[in-house]
Amino acid sequence: MRSSVLSVLLLAAAVPLPAQEHAPAAGGSSLMSINTGLMFWTLVIFAILFVILKRFAFPAIIGAVEAREKALEDAITGAQRDREDAARLLAEHRAALDASRGEGQKLIADARAAGERVRTEMVEAAHKEQANMISRARAEIESEKVKAIADLRREAVELAITGAAKVIEKNLDDASNRQLVESFLASVTPAAVSASR
């Protein structure tokens, strides 16, 4: 390729152009005239400069551009990897947050159910305790009633014996008198007493 470029340059320098044949002889040059000597040396200088640049400057420039390109590709790849990691972490955090929300909801529901169960148990225990207290109170009332009736009977028997002893002025046998009065009182019902009044 170098030889073809050089041969083209040499041909261009050796062949006079038609514009030069018609150039003014006074040594003046116009803007439209072609000067082959100037063109030849311009092309030679360009070729030499191109070879020097190609040998020394272009590899350094191309290396710098490639290094920059590689750095940019690495940065883009790193940014994509970081973005993917961030998206993955965000998804994991959202999943963990949803799981902890669900766990919190479950704990709240469990606590409510446990509270309701404890409340129900406490209400049932209170009802049982109330029923036990009522039954004990009724039993105590019944016991006191029986005791009071027995005390009244004893008092009534004592009064009746005392009254009968005074009437007949004779003290009868305590055991037989007591048995007689108790049998009489047992035969007397509350309805008979209220009817006799």
N, C-alpha and C. Protein backbone atom coordinates (compact mmCIF):
# COMPACT_ATOMS: atom_id res chain seq x y z
N MET A 1 0.82 -1.18 0.00
CA MET A 1 0.00 0.00 0.00
C MET A 1 0.88 1.26 0.00
N ARG A 2 1.99 1.17 0.73
CA ARG A 2 2.88 2.33 0.75
C ARG A 2 3.46 2.59 -0.63
N SER A 3 3.81 1.51 -1.31
CA SER A 3 4.40 1.71 -2.65
C SER A 3 3.38 2.29 -3.63
N SER A 4 2.14 1.89 -3.51
CA SER A 4 1.12 2.45 -4.42
C SER A 4 0.88 3.91 -4.13
N VAL A 5 0.90 4.30 -2.84
CA VAL A 5 0.71 5.71 -2.48
C VAL A 5 1.90 6.54 -2.98
N LEU A 6 3.09 6.01 -2.81
CA LEU A 6 4.28 6.73 -3.25
C LEU A 6 4.32 6.87 -4.77
N SER A 7 3.95 5.80 -5.49
CA SER A 7 3.96 5.88 -6.96
C SER A 7 2.93 6.89 -7.46
N VAL A 8 1.80 6.97 -6.80
CA VAL A 8 0.80 7.95 -7.19
C VAL A 8 1.34 9.35 -6.95
N LEU A 9 2.03 9.54 -5.85
CA LEU A 9 2.60 10.85 -5.54
C LEU A 9 3.68 11.25 -6.56
N LEU A 10 4.52 10.30 -6.91
CA LEU A 10 5.58 10.60 -7.87
C LEU A 10 4.99 10.94 -9.24
N LEU A 11 4.00 10.20 -9.65
CA LEU A 11 3.35 10.50 -10.93
C LEU A 11 2.72 11.88 -10.90
N ALA A 12 2.13 12.19 -9.80
CA ALA A 12 1.48 13.50 -9.70
C ALA A 12 2.50 14.61 -9.77
N ALA A 13 3.68 14.38 -9.22
CA ALA A 13 4.70 15.41 -9.23
C ALA A 13 5.35 15.53 -10.60
N ALA A 14 5.49 14.44 -11.36
CA ALA A 14 6.19 14.45 -12.64
C ALA A 14 5.32 14.95 -13.77
N VAL A 15 4.06 14.69 -13.72
CA VAL A 15 3.20 15.05 -14.84
C VAL A 15 2.74 16.48 -14.67
N PRO A 16 3.02 17.32 -15.68
CA PRO A 16 2.54 18.69 -15.57
C PRO A 16 1.05 18.74 -15.85
N LEU A 17 0.36 19.50 -15.08
CA LEU A 17 -1.09 19.62 -15.25
C LEU A 17 -1.42 20.65 -16.31
N PRO A 18 -2.53 20.47 -16.97
CA PRO A 18 -2.91 21.41 -18.01
C PRO A 18 -3.05 22.82 -17.49
N ALA A 19 -3.39 22.98 -16.24
CA ALA A 19 -3.57 24.33 -15.72
C ALA A 19 -2.24 25.04 -15.66
N GLN A 20 -1.14 24.28 -15.51
CA GLN A 20 0.16 24.91 -15.45
C GLN A 20 0.60 25.39 -16.83
N GLU A 21 0.17 24.73 -17.87
CA GLU A 21 0.57 25.15 -19.20
C GLU A 21 -0.03 26.50 -19.54
N HIS A 22 -1.19 26.76 -18.97
CA HIS A 22 -1.83 28.03 -19.28
C HIS A 22 -1.56 29.07 -18.23
N ALA A 23 -0.62 28.85 -17.35
CA ALA A 23 -0.33 29.80 -16.29
C ALA A 23 0.32 31.04 -16.87
N PRO A 24 0.12 32.16 -16.30
CA PRO A 24 0.71 33.39 -16.81
C PRO A 24 2.23 33.36 -16.67
N ALA A 25 2.90 33.85 -17.61
CA ALA A 25 4.36 33.81 -17.67
C ALA A 25 4.98 34.87 -16.80
N ALA A 26 4.24 35.74 -16.31
CA ALA A 26 4.79 36.84 -15.54
C ALA A 26 5.23 36.41 -14.16
N GLY A 27 5.06 35.15 -13.84
CA GLY A 27 5.48 34.66 -12.52
C GLY A 27 4.42 34.85 -11.48
N GLY A 28 3.31 35.34 -11.82
CA GLY A 28 2.19 35.48 -10.90
C GLY A 28 1.42 34.20 -10.81
N SER A 29 0.87 33.91 -9.72
CA SER A 29 0.07 32.69 -9.58
C SER A 29 -1.33 33.08 -9.17
N SER A 30 -2.24 32.36 -9.72
CA SER A 30 -3.63 32.61 -9.32
C SER A 30 -4.04 31.55 -8.33
N LEU A 31 -5.15 31.76 -7.74
CA LEU A 31 -5.64 30.81 -6.74
C LEU A 31 -6.07 29.51 -7.38
N MET A 32 -6.45 29.52 -8.58
CA MET A 32 -6.95 28.33 -9.24
C MET A 32 -5.84 27.53 -9.93
N SER A 33 -4.66 28.01 -9.93
CA SER A 33 -3.57 27.29 -10.59
C SER A 33 -3.01 26.24 -9.65
N ILE A 34 -2.54 25.16 -10.21
CA ILE A 34 -2.02 24.04 -9.43
C ILE A 34 -0.50 24.09 -9.54
N ASN A 35 0.13 24.02 -8.38
CA ASN A 35 1.58 24.00 -8.31
C ASN A 35 1.97 22.59 -7.91
N THR A 36 2.51 21.82 -8.87
CA THR A 36 2.81 20.41 -8.63
C THR A 36 3.96 20.23 -7.66
N GLY A 37 4.92 21.07 -7.65
CA GLY A 37 6.03 20.97 -6.70
C GLY A 37 5.55 21.12 -5.27
N LEU A 38 4.70 22.10 -5.06
CA LEU A 38 4.13 22.31 -3.73
C LEU A 38 3.27 21.13 -3.33
N MET A 39 2.51 20.62 -4.29
CA MET A 39 1.66 19.48 -4.00
C MET A 39 2.50 18.27 -3.66
N PHE A 40 3.57 18.03 -4.39
CA PHE A 40 4.44 16.89 -4.15
C PHE A 40 5.03 16.95 -2.74
N TRP A 41 5.60 18.08 -2.39
CA TRP A 41 6.22 18.18 -1.07
C TRP A 41 5.18 18.15 0.05
N THR A 42 4.01 18.64 -0.19
CA THR A 42 2.93 18.55 0.80
C THR A 42 2.57 17.10 1.03
N LEU A 43 2.48 16.33 -0.08
CA LEU A 43 2.14 14.91 0.06
C LEU A 43 3.28 14.14 0.72
N VAL A 44 4.53 14.48 0.41
CA VAL A 44 5.67 13.81 1.03
C VAL A 44 5.71 14.09 2.52
N ILE A 45 5.51 15.34 2.88
CA ILE A 45 5.50 15.71 4.31
C ILE A 45 4.33 15.03 5.02
N PHE A 46 3.18 14.99 4.34
CA PHE A 46 2.01 14.32 4.93
C PHE A 46 2.31 12.84 5.15
N ALA A 47 2.95 12.19 4.13
CA ALA A 47 3.26 10.76 4.24
C ALA A 47 4.27 10.52 5.35
N ILE A 48 5.28 11.35 5.45
CA ILE A 48 6.29 11.19 6.51
C ILE A 48 5.66 11.40 7.89
N LEU A 49 4.86 12.45 7.97
CA LEU A 49 4.17 12.73 9.24
C LEU A 49 3.22 11.59 9.59
N PHE A 50 2.54 11.06 8.57
CA PHE A 50 1.62 9.94 8.80
C PHE A 50 2.37 8.73 9.32
N VAL A 51 3.53 8.41 8.72
CA VAL A 51 4.33 7.26 9.15
C VAL A 51 4.83 7.47 10.57
N ILE A 52 5.29 8.67 10.88
CA ILE A 52 5.79 8.94 12.23
C ILE A 52 4.65 8.83 13.24
N LEU A 53 3.52 9.43 12.89
CA LEU A 53 2.37 9.35 13.80
C LEU A 53 1.89 7.91 13.96
N LYS A 54 1.90 7.17 12.83
CA LYS A 54 1.43 5.79 12.89
C LYS A 54 2.37 4.95 13.75
N ARG A 55 3.64 5.24 13.67
CA ARG A 55 4.63 4.42 14.39
C ARG A 55 4.68 4.81 15.87
N PHE A 56 4.56 6.08 16.21
CA PHE A 56 4.76 6.50 17.60
C PHE A 56 3.49 7.01 18.28
N ALA A 57 2.72 7.83 17.66
CA ALA A 57 1.59 8.48 18.33
C ALA A 57 0.32 7.64 18.30
N PHE A 58 -0.01 7.06 17.13
CA PHE A 58 -1.27 6.33 17.02
C PHE A 58 -1.36 5.16 17.99
N PRO A 59 -0.29 4.35 18.16
CA PRO A 59 -0.43 3.26 19.14
C PRO A 59 -0.75 3.77 20.55
N ALA A 60 -0.11 4.86 20.94
CA ALA A 60 -0.38 5.41 22.28
C ALA A 60 -1.81 5.94 22.36
N ILE A 61 -2.24 6.64 21.30
CA ILE A 61 -3.61 7.19 21.29
C ILE A 61 -4.63 6.06 21.27
N ILE A 62 -4.37 5.06 20.40
CA ILE A 62 -5.30 3.92 20.30
C ILE A 62 -5.32 3.15 21.62
N GLY A 63 -4.13 2.99 22.24
CA GLY A 63 -4.07 2.31 23.54
C GLY A 63 -4.86 3.06 24.60
N ALA A 64 -4.71 4.40 24.61
CA ALA A 64 -5.44 5.21 25.58
C ALA A 64 -6.94 5.13 25.33
N VAL A 65 -7.33 5.16 24.05
CA VAL A 65 -8.76 5.08 23.72
C VAL A 65 -9.32 3.71 24.11
N GLU A 66 -8.52 2.66 23.80
CA GLU A 66 -8.98 1.31 24.16
C GLU A 66 -9.05 1.13 25.67
N ALA A 67 -8.05 1.70 26.38
CA ALA A 67 -8.08 1.61 27.85
C ALA A 67 -9.29 2.36 28.40
N ARG A 68 -9.57 3.51 27.83
CA ARG A 68 -10.74 4.29 28.26
C ARG A 68 -12.02 3.52 27.96
N GLU A 69 -12.06 2.93 26.77
CA GLU A 69 -13.24 2.15 26.37
C GLU A 69 -13.43 0.96 27.31
N LYS A 70 -12.33 0.28 27.64
CA LYS A 70 -12.40 -0.87 28.55
C LYS A 70 -12.83 -0.41 29.94
N ALA A 71 -12.28 0.74 30.39
CA ALA A 71 -12.67 1.27 31.70
C ALA A 71 -14.16 1.60 31.73
N LEU A 72 -14.65 2.20 30.62
CA LEU A 72 -16.08 2.52 30.55
C LEU A 72 -16.93 1.25 30.54
N GLU A 73 -16.48 0.23 29.78
CA GLU A 73 -17.22 -1.03 29.76
C GLU A 73 -17.22 -1.68 31.14
N ASP A 74 -16.06 -1.63 31.82
CA ASP A 74 -16.00 -2.18 33.17
C ASP A 74 -16.91 -1.42 34.13
N ALA A 75 -16.90 -0.10 33.97
CA ALA A 75 -17.77 0.72 34.83
C ALA A 75 -19.23 0.42 34.57
N ILE A 76 -19.60 0.28 33.29
CA ILE A 76 -20.99 -0.04 32.94
C ILE A 76 -21.36 -1.41 33.47
N THR A 77 -20.44 -2.38 33.29
CA THR A 77 -20.70 -3.73 33.80
C THR A 77 -20.83 -3.71 35.33
N GLY A 78 -19.93 -2.98 35.99
CA GLY A 78 -20.01 -2.87 37.46
C GLY A 78 -21.29 -2.20 37.90
N ALA A 79 -21.70 -1.15 37.17
CA ALA A 79 -22.95 -0.46 37.52
C ALA A 79 -24.14 -1.39 37.33
N GLN A 80 -24.14 -2.17 36.23
CA GLN A 80 -25.24 -3.12 36.02
C GLN A 80 -25.26 -4.18 37.11
N ARG A 81 -24.07 -4.67 37.48
CA ARG A 81 -23.98 -5.68 38.53
C ARG A 81 -24.47 -5.09 39.86
N ASP A 82 -24.04 -3.84 40.14
CA ASP A 82 -24.49 -3.19 41.37
C ASP A 82 -25.99 -2.96 41.36
N ARG A 83 -26.52 -2.57 40.20
CA ARG A 83 -27.96 -2.35 40.10
C ARG A 83 -28.72 -3.66 40.31
N GLU A 84 -28.20 -4.76 39.73
CA GLU A 84 -28.84 -6.06 39.92
C GLU A 84 -28.75 -6.49 41.38
N ASP A 85 -27.58 -6.25 42.02
CA ASP A 85 -27.45 -6.57 43.44
C ASP A 85 -28.41 -5.74 44.28
N ALA A 86 -28.50 -4.46 43.94
CA ALA A 86 -29.42 -3.58 44.68
C ALA A 86 -30.87 -4.03 44.50
N ALA A 87 -31.23 -4.41 43.27
CA ALA A 87 -32.59 -4.88 43.02
C ALA A 87 -32.85 -6.19 43.78
N ARG A 88 -31.85 -7.07 43.81
CA ARG A 88 -32.00 -8.33 44.54
C ARG A 88 -32.14 -8.06 46.03
N LEU A 89 -31.28 -7.17 46.58
CA LEU A 89 -31.37 -6.83 48.00
C LEU A 89 -32.69 -6.17 48.33
N LEU A 90 -33.16 -5.30 47.42
CA LEU A 90 -34.44 -4.65 47.64
C LEU A 90 -35.56 -5.69 47.67
N ALA A 91 -35.51 -6.63 46.75
CA ALA A 91 -36.52 -7.70 46.74
C ALA A 91 -36.45 -8.53 48.02
N GLU A 92 -35.21 -8.84 48.46
CA GLU A 92 -35.06 -9.61 49.70
C GLU A 92 -35.59 -8.83 50.90
N HIS A 93 -35.28 -7.52 50.95
CA HIS A 93 -35.77 -6.70 52.06
C HIS A 93 -37.29 -6.59 52.03
N ARG A 94 -37.84 -6.44 50.85
CA ARG A 94 -39.31 -6.38 50.76
C ARG A 94 -39.93 -7.69 51.19
N ALA A 95 -39.32 -8.80 50.77
CA ALA A 95 -39.84 -10.11 51.18
C ALA A 95 -39.72 -10.28 52.69
N ALA A 96 -38.58 -9.85 53.26
CA ALA A 96 -38.42 -9.94 54.71
C ALA A 96 -39.41 -9.05 55.43
N LEU A 97 -39.65 -7.86 54.88
CA LEU A 97 -40.62 -6.95 55.48
C LEU A 97 -42.02 -7.54 55.41
N ASP A 98 -42.37 -8.11 54.27
CA ASP A 98 -43.68 -8.75 54.15
C ASP A 98 -43.80 -9.92 55.11
N ALA A 99 -42.71 -10.70 55.24
CA ALA A 99 -42.74 -11.84 56.16
C ALA A 99 -42.90 -11.36 57.60
N SER A 100 -42.17 -10.30 57.96
CA SER A 100 -42.29 -9.80 59.33
C SER A 100 -43.65 -9.16 59.57
N ARG A 101 -44.23 -8.54 58.53
CA ARG A 101 -45.60 -8.03 58.67
C ARG A 101 -46.57 -9.18 58.91
N GLY A 102 -46.41 -10.24 58.11
CA GLY A 102 -47.27 -11.41 58.28
C GLY A 102 -47.09 -12.03 59.66
N GLU A 103 -45.83 -12.10 60.10
CA GLU A 103 -45.55 -12.66 61.43
C GLU A 103 -46.17 -11.77 62.52
N GLY A 104 -46.06 -10.45 62.34
CA GLY A 104 -46.67 -9.52 63.29
C GLY A 104 -48.18 -9.67 63.33
N GLN A 105 -48.79 -9.79 62.15
CA GLN A 105 -50.24 -9.99 62.08
C GLN A 105 -50.62 -11.29 62.77
N LYS A 106 -49.81 -12.33 62.55
CA LYS A 106 -50.09 -13.62 63.18
C LYS A 106 -49.97 -13.51 64.69
N LEU A 107 -48.90 -12.82 65.17
CA LEU A 107 -48.73 -12.66 66.60
C LEU A 107 -49.89 -11.87 67.21
N ILE A 108 -50.33 -10.83 66.51
CA ILE A 108 -51.46 -10.04 67.01
C ILE A 108 -52.72 -10.91 67.07
N ALA A 109 -52.94 -11.69 66.00
CA ALA A 109 -54.13 -12.56 66.00
C ALA A 109 -54.03 -13.60 67.10
N ASP A 110 -52.83 -14.18 67.29
CA ASP A 110 -52.65 -15.15 68.37
C ASP A 110 -52.88 -14.51 69.73
N ALA A 111 -52.36 -13.29 69.91
CA ALA A 111 -52.54 -12.60 71.18
C ALA A 111 -54.02 -12.29 71.43
N ARG A 112 -54.72 -11.88 70.38
CA ARG A 112 -56.15 -11.62 70.54
C ARG A 112 -56.90 -12.89 70.90
N ALA A 113 -56.56 -13.99 70.20
CA ALA A 113 -57.22 -15.26 70.50
C ALA A 113 -56.91 -15.70 71.92
N ALA A 114 -55.63 -15.55 72.34
CA ALA A 114 -55.26 -15.93 73.70
C ALA A 114 -55.97 -15.05 74.72
N GLY A 115 -56.06 -13.76 74.44
CA GLY A 115 -56.78 -12.84 75.33
C GLY A 115 -58.25 -13.20 75.43
N GLU A 116 -58.85 -13.52 74.30
CA GLU A 116 -60.26 -13.92 74.29
C GLU A 116 -60.45 -15.22 75.06
N ARG A 117 -59.51 -16.15 74.87
CA ARG A 117 -59.60 -17.43 75.58
C ARG A 117 -59.45 -17.22 77.09
N VAL A 118 -58.49 -16.37 77.50
CA VAL A 118 -58.30 -16.09 78.92
C VAL A 118 -59.52 -15.39 79.49
N ARG A 119 -60.09 -14.45 78.72
CA ARG A 119 -61.29 -13.74 79.19
C ARG A 119 -62.44 -14.71 79.37
N THR A 120 -62.61 -15.62 78.39
CA THR A 120 -63.68 -16.61 78.49
C THR A 120 -63.47 -17.52 79.70
N GLU A 121 -62.21 -17.93 79.89
CA GLU A 121 -61.91 -18.79 81.04
C GLU A 121 -62.18 -18.05 82.34
N MET A 122 -61.81 -16.76 82.39
CA MET A 122 -62.04 -15.98 83.61
C MET A 122 -63.54 -15.79 83.87
N VAL A 123 -64.30 -15.55 82.80
CA VAL A 123 -65.75 -15.40 82.97
C VAL A 123 -66.36 -16.71 83.45
N GLU A 124 -65.92 -17.82 82.84
CA GLU A 124 -66.44 -19.13 83.27
C GLU A 124 -66.06 -19.41 84.72
N ALA A 125 -64.80 -19.09 85.09
CA ALA A 125 -64.37 -19.30 86.47
C ALA A 125 -65.17 -18.43 87.43
N ALA A 126 -65.46 -17.20 87.01
CA ALA A 126 -66.26 -16.31 87.87
C ALA A 126 -67.68 -16.85 88.01
N HIS A 127 -68.25 -17.36 86.92
CA HIS A 127 -69.60 -17.93 87.00
C HIS A 127 -69.60 -19.16 87.92
N LYS A 128 -68.56 -20.01 87.79
CA LYS A 128 -68.47 -21.19 88.66
C LYS A 128 -68.32 -20.77 90.10
N GLU A 129 -67.45 -19.79 90.34
CA GLU A 129 -67.24 -19.32 91.71
C GLU A 129 -68.54 -18.72 92.27
N GLN A 130 -69.25 -17.98 91.42
CA GLN A 130 -70.52 -17.40 91.84
C GLN A 130 -71.53 -18.51 92.17
N ALA A 131 -71.60 -19.53 91.30
CA ALA A 131 -72.52 -20.64 91.56
C ALA A 131 -72.12 -21.38 92.83
N ASN A 132 -70.80 -21.58 93.03
CA ASN A 132 -70.34 -22.23 94.27
C ASN A 132 -70.70 -21.41 95.50
N MET A 133 -70.49 -20.08 95.39
CA MET A 133 -70.82 -19.21 96.52
C MET A 133 -72.31 -19.24 96.82
N ILE A 134 -73.12 -19.25 95.75
CA ILE A 134 -74.58 -19.29 95.95
C ILE A 134 -74.98 -20.62 96.59
N SER A 135 -74.40 -21.72 96.08
CA SER A 135 -74.77 -23.02 96.65
C SER A 135 -74.29 -23.13 98.10
N ARG A 136 -73.10 -22.61 98.42
CA ARG A 136 -72.62 -22.62 99.80
C ARG A 136 -73.50 -21.76 100.69
N ALA A 137 -73.89 -20.58 100.14
CA ALA A 137 -74.75 -19.70 100.92
C ALA A 137 -76.10 -20.37 101.18
N ARG A 138 -76.64 -21.04 100.16
CA ARG A 138 -77.91 -21.75 100.35
C ARG A 138 -77.76 -22.87 101.37
N ALA A 139 -76.62 -23.59 101.27
CA ALA A 139 -76.39 -24.67 102.23
C ALA A 139 -76.25 -24.11 103.64
N GLU A 140 -75.54 -23.00 103.77
CA GLU A 140 -75.40 -22.37 105.09
C GLU A 140 -76.73 -21.87 105.60
N ILE A 141 -77.51 -21.28 104.68
CA ILE A 141 -78.84 -20.79 105.08
C ILE A 141 -79.71 -21.96 105.53
N GLU A 142 -79.67 -23.04 104.74
CA GLU A 142 -80.46 -24.23 105.10
C GLU A 142 -79.99 -24.80 106.43
N SER A 143 -78.67 -24.84 106.63
CA SER A 143 -78.11 -25.35 107.89
C SER A 143 -78.53 -24.47 109.06
N GLU A 144 -78.44 -23.16 108.86
CA GLU A 144 -78.85 -22.23 109.92
C GLU A 144 -80.35 -22.32 110.17
N LYS A 145 -81.11 -22.54 109.10
CA LYS A 145 -82.57 -22.68 109.24
C LYS A 145 -82.90 -23.92 110.07
N VAL A 146 -82.23 -25.04 109.71
CA VAL A 146 -82.47 -26.29 110.46
C VAL A 146 -82.05 -26.11 111.91
N LYS A 147 -80.92 -25.45 112.10
CA LYS A 147 -80.43 -25.21 113.46
C LYS A 147 -81.39 -24.31 114.23
N ALA A 148 -81.88 -23.26 113.55
CA ALA A 148 -82.82 -22.34 114.21
C ALA A 148 -84.11 -23.06 114.55
N ILE A 149 -84.59 -23.91 113.63
CA ILE A 149 -85.83 -24.66 113.90
C ILE A 149 -85.62 -25.61 115.08
N ALA A 150 -84.43 -26.28 115.12
CA ALA A 150 -84.14 -27.18 116.23
C ALA A 150 -84.07 -26.41 117.54
N ASP A 151 -83.45 -25.22 117.51
CA ASP A 151 -83.38 -24.38 118.72
C ASP A 151 -84.78 -23.94 119.15
N LEU A 152 -85.60 -23.57 118.18
CA LEU A 152 -86.97 -23.16 118.50
C LEU A 152 -87.77 -24.31 119.11
N ARG A 153 -87.56 -25.49 118.53
CA ARG A 153 -88.27 -26.65 119.08
C ARG A 153 -87.84 -26.91 120.52
N ARG A 154 -86.52 -26.84 120.74
CA ARG A 154 -86.06 -27.07 122.12
C ARG A 154 -86.64 -26.04 123.06
N GLU A 155 -86.64 -24.79 122.61
CA GLU A 155 -87.20 -23.72 123.45
C GLU A 155 -88.69 -23.96 123.68
N ALA A 156 -89.37 -24.35 122.57
CA ALA A 156 -90.81 -24.59 122.71
C ALA A 156 -91.08 -25.76 123.65
N VAL A 157 -90.26 -26.79 123.53
CA VAL A 157 -90.43 -27.95 124.42
C VAL A 157 -90.18 -27.53 125.86
N GLU A 158 -89.10 -26.75 126.07
CA GLU A 158 -88.79 -26.31 127.43
C GLU A 158 -89.91 -25.47 127.99
N LEU A 159 -90.42 -24.55 127.14
CA LEU A 159 -91.51 -23.68 127.60
C LEU A 159 -92.78 -24.49 127.87
N ALA A 160 -93.04 -25.44 126.97
CA ALA A 160 -94.26 -26.25 127.17
C ALA A 160 -94.16 -27.10 128.43
N ILE A 161 -92.97 -27.65 128.65
CA ILE A 161 -92.79 -28.48 129.85
C ILE A 161 -92.87 -27.62 131.10
N THR A 162 -92.25 -26.47 131.03
CA THR A 162 -92.30 -25.56 132.18
C THR A 162 -93.72 -25.13 132.43
N GLY A 163 -94.42 -24.80 131.33
CA GLY A 163 -95.83 -24.37 131.48
C GLY A 163 -96.71 -25.50 131.98
N ALA A 164 -96.53 -26.71 131.50
CA ALA A 164 -97.33 -27.85 131.92
C ALA A 164 -97.01 -28.22 133.36
N ALA A 165 -95.73 -28.07 133.72
CA ALA A 165 -95.37 -28.39 135.10
C ALA A 165 -96.02 -27.43 136.06
N LYS A 166 -96.13 -26.22 135.66
CA LYS A 166 -96.75 -25.23 136.53
C LYS A 166 -98.24 -25.48 136.62
N VAL A 167 -98.82 -25.93 135.49
CA VAL A 167 -100.26 -26.15 135.48
C VAL A 167 -100.59 -27.33 136.40
N ILE A 168 -99.94 -28.38 136.27
CA ILE A 168 -100.28 -29.54 137.08
C ILE A 168 -99.52 -29.55 138.40
N GLU A 169 -98.68 -28.66 138.55
CA GLU A 169 -97.91 -28.46 139.75
C GLU A 169 -97.16 -29.73 140.11
N LYS A 170 -96.80 -30.36 139.19
CA LYS A 170 -96.09 -31.58 139.44
C LYS A 170 -95.01 -31.69 138.38
N ASN A 171 -93.86 -32.06 138.75
CA ASN A 171 -92.76 -32.17 137.81
C ASN A 171 -92.75 -33.59 137.27
N LEU A 172 -93.03 -33.71 136.03
CA LEU A 172 -93.05 -35.01 135.38
C LEU A 172 -91.63 -35.43 135.04
N ASP A 173 -91.52 -36.64 134.58
CA ASP A 173 -90.22 -37.17 134.16
C ASP A 173 -89.77 -36.41 132.92
N ASP A 174 -88.57 -35.88 132.97
CA ASP A 174 -88.06 -35.05 131.87
C ASP A 174 -88.00 -35.80 130.57
N ALA A 175 -87.49 -36.98 130.50
CA ALA A 175 -87.33 -37.72 129.25
C ALA A 175 -88.66 -38.09 128.64
N SER A 176 -89.59 -38.55 129.42
CA SER A 176 -90.89 -38.94 128.87
C SER A 176 -91.67 -37.73 128.43
N ASN A 177 -91.58 -36.63 129.20
CA ASN A 177 -92.27 -35.39 128.82
C ASN A 177 -91.70 -34.85 127.51
N ARG A 178 -90.41 -34.86 127.40
CA ARG A 178 -89.75 -34.35 126.21
C ARG A 178 -90.19 -35.17 125.00
N GLN A 179 -90.25 -36.48 125.12
CA GLN A 179 -90.65 -37.34 124.02
C GLN A 179 -92.10 -37.07 123.64
N LEU A 180 -92.93 -36.89 124.57
CA LEU A 180 -94.34 -36.61 124.33
C LEU A 180 -94.51 -35.30 123.58
N VAL A 181 -93.83 -34.25 123.99
CA VAL A 181 -93.96 -32.92 123.36
C VAL A 181 -93.36 -32.95 121.96
N GLU A 182 -92.21 -33.60 121.79
CA GLU A 182 -91.58 -33.66 120.47
C GLU A 182 -92.45 -34.41 119.49
N SER A 183 -93.07 -35.49 119.91
CA SER A 183 -93.96 -36.20 119.00
C SER A 183 -95.16 -35.35 118.63
N PHE A 184 -95.65 -34.57 119.61
CA PHE A 184 -96.77 -33.68 119.31
C PHE A 184 -96.35 -32.59 118.32
N LEU A 185 -95.17 -32.00 118.55
CA LEU A 185 -94.72 -30.94 117.66
C LEU A 185 -94.41 -31.47 116.27
N ALA A 186 -93.92 -32.69 116.18
CA ALA A 186 -93.64 -33.27 114.87
C ALA A 186 -94.91 -33.51 114.10
N SER A 187 -95.97 -33.80 114.83
CA SER A 187 -97.25 -34.04 114.15
C SER A 187 -97.91 -32.74 113.72
N VAL A 188 -97.54 -31.67 114.33
CA VAL A 188 -98.12 -30.38 114.00
C VAL A 188 -97.33 -29.79 112.83
N THR A 189 -98.04 -29.41 111.74
CA THR A 189 -97.41 -28.81 110.57
C THR A 189 -97.62 -27.32 110.62
N PRO A 190 -96.83 -26.57 109.84
CA PRO A 190 -97.02 -25.13 109.86
C PRO A 190 -98.42 -24.73 109.36
N ALA A 191 -98.97 -25.51 108.44
CA ALA A 191 -100.31 -25.18 107.93
C ALA A 191 -101.34 -25.36 109.04
N ALA A 192 -101.18 -26.37 109.90
CA ALA A 192 -102.12 -26.61 110.98
C ALA A 192 -102.04 -25.52 112.02
N VAL A 193 -100.80 -25.02 112.25
CA VAL A 193 -100.62 -23.95 113.23
C VAL A 193 -101.28 -22.68 112.74
N SER A 194 -101.08 -22.34 111.45
CA SER A 194 -101.67 -21.12 110.92
C SER A 194 -103.18 -21.25 110.81
N ALA A 195 -103.71 -22.47 110.63
CA ALA A 195 -105.16 -22.67 110.56
C ALA A 195 -105.78 -22.55 111.93
N SER A 196 -105.04 -22.92 112.97
CA SER A 196 -105.61 -22.87 114.32
C SER A 196 -105.66 -21.44 114.83
N ARG A 197 -104.95 -20.57 114.25
CA ARG A 197 -104.95 -19.16 114.69
C ARG A 197 -106.13 -18.52 114.12
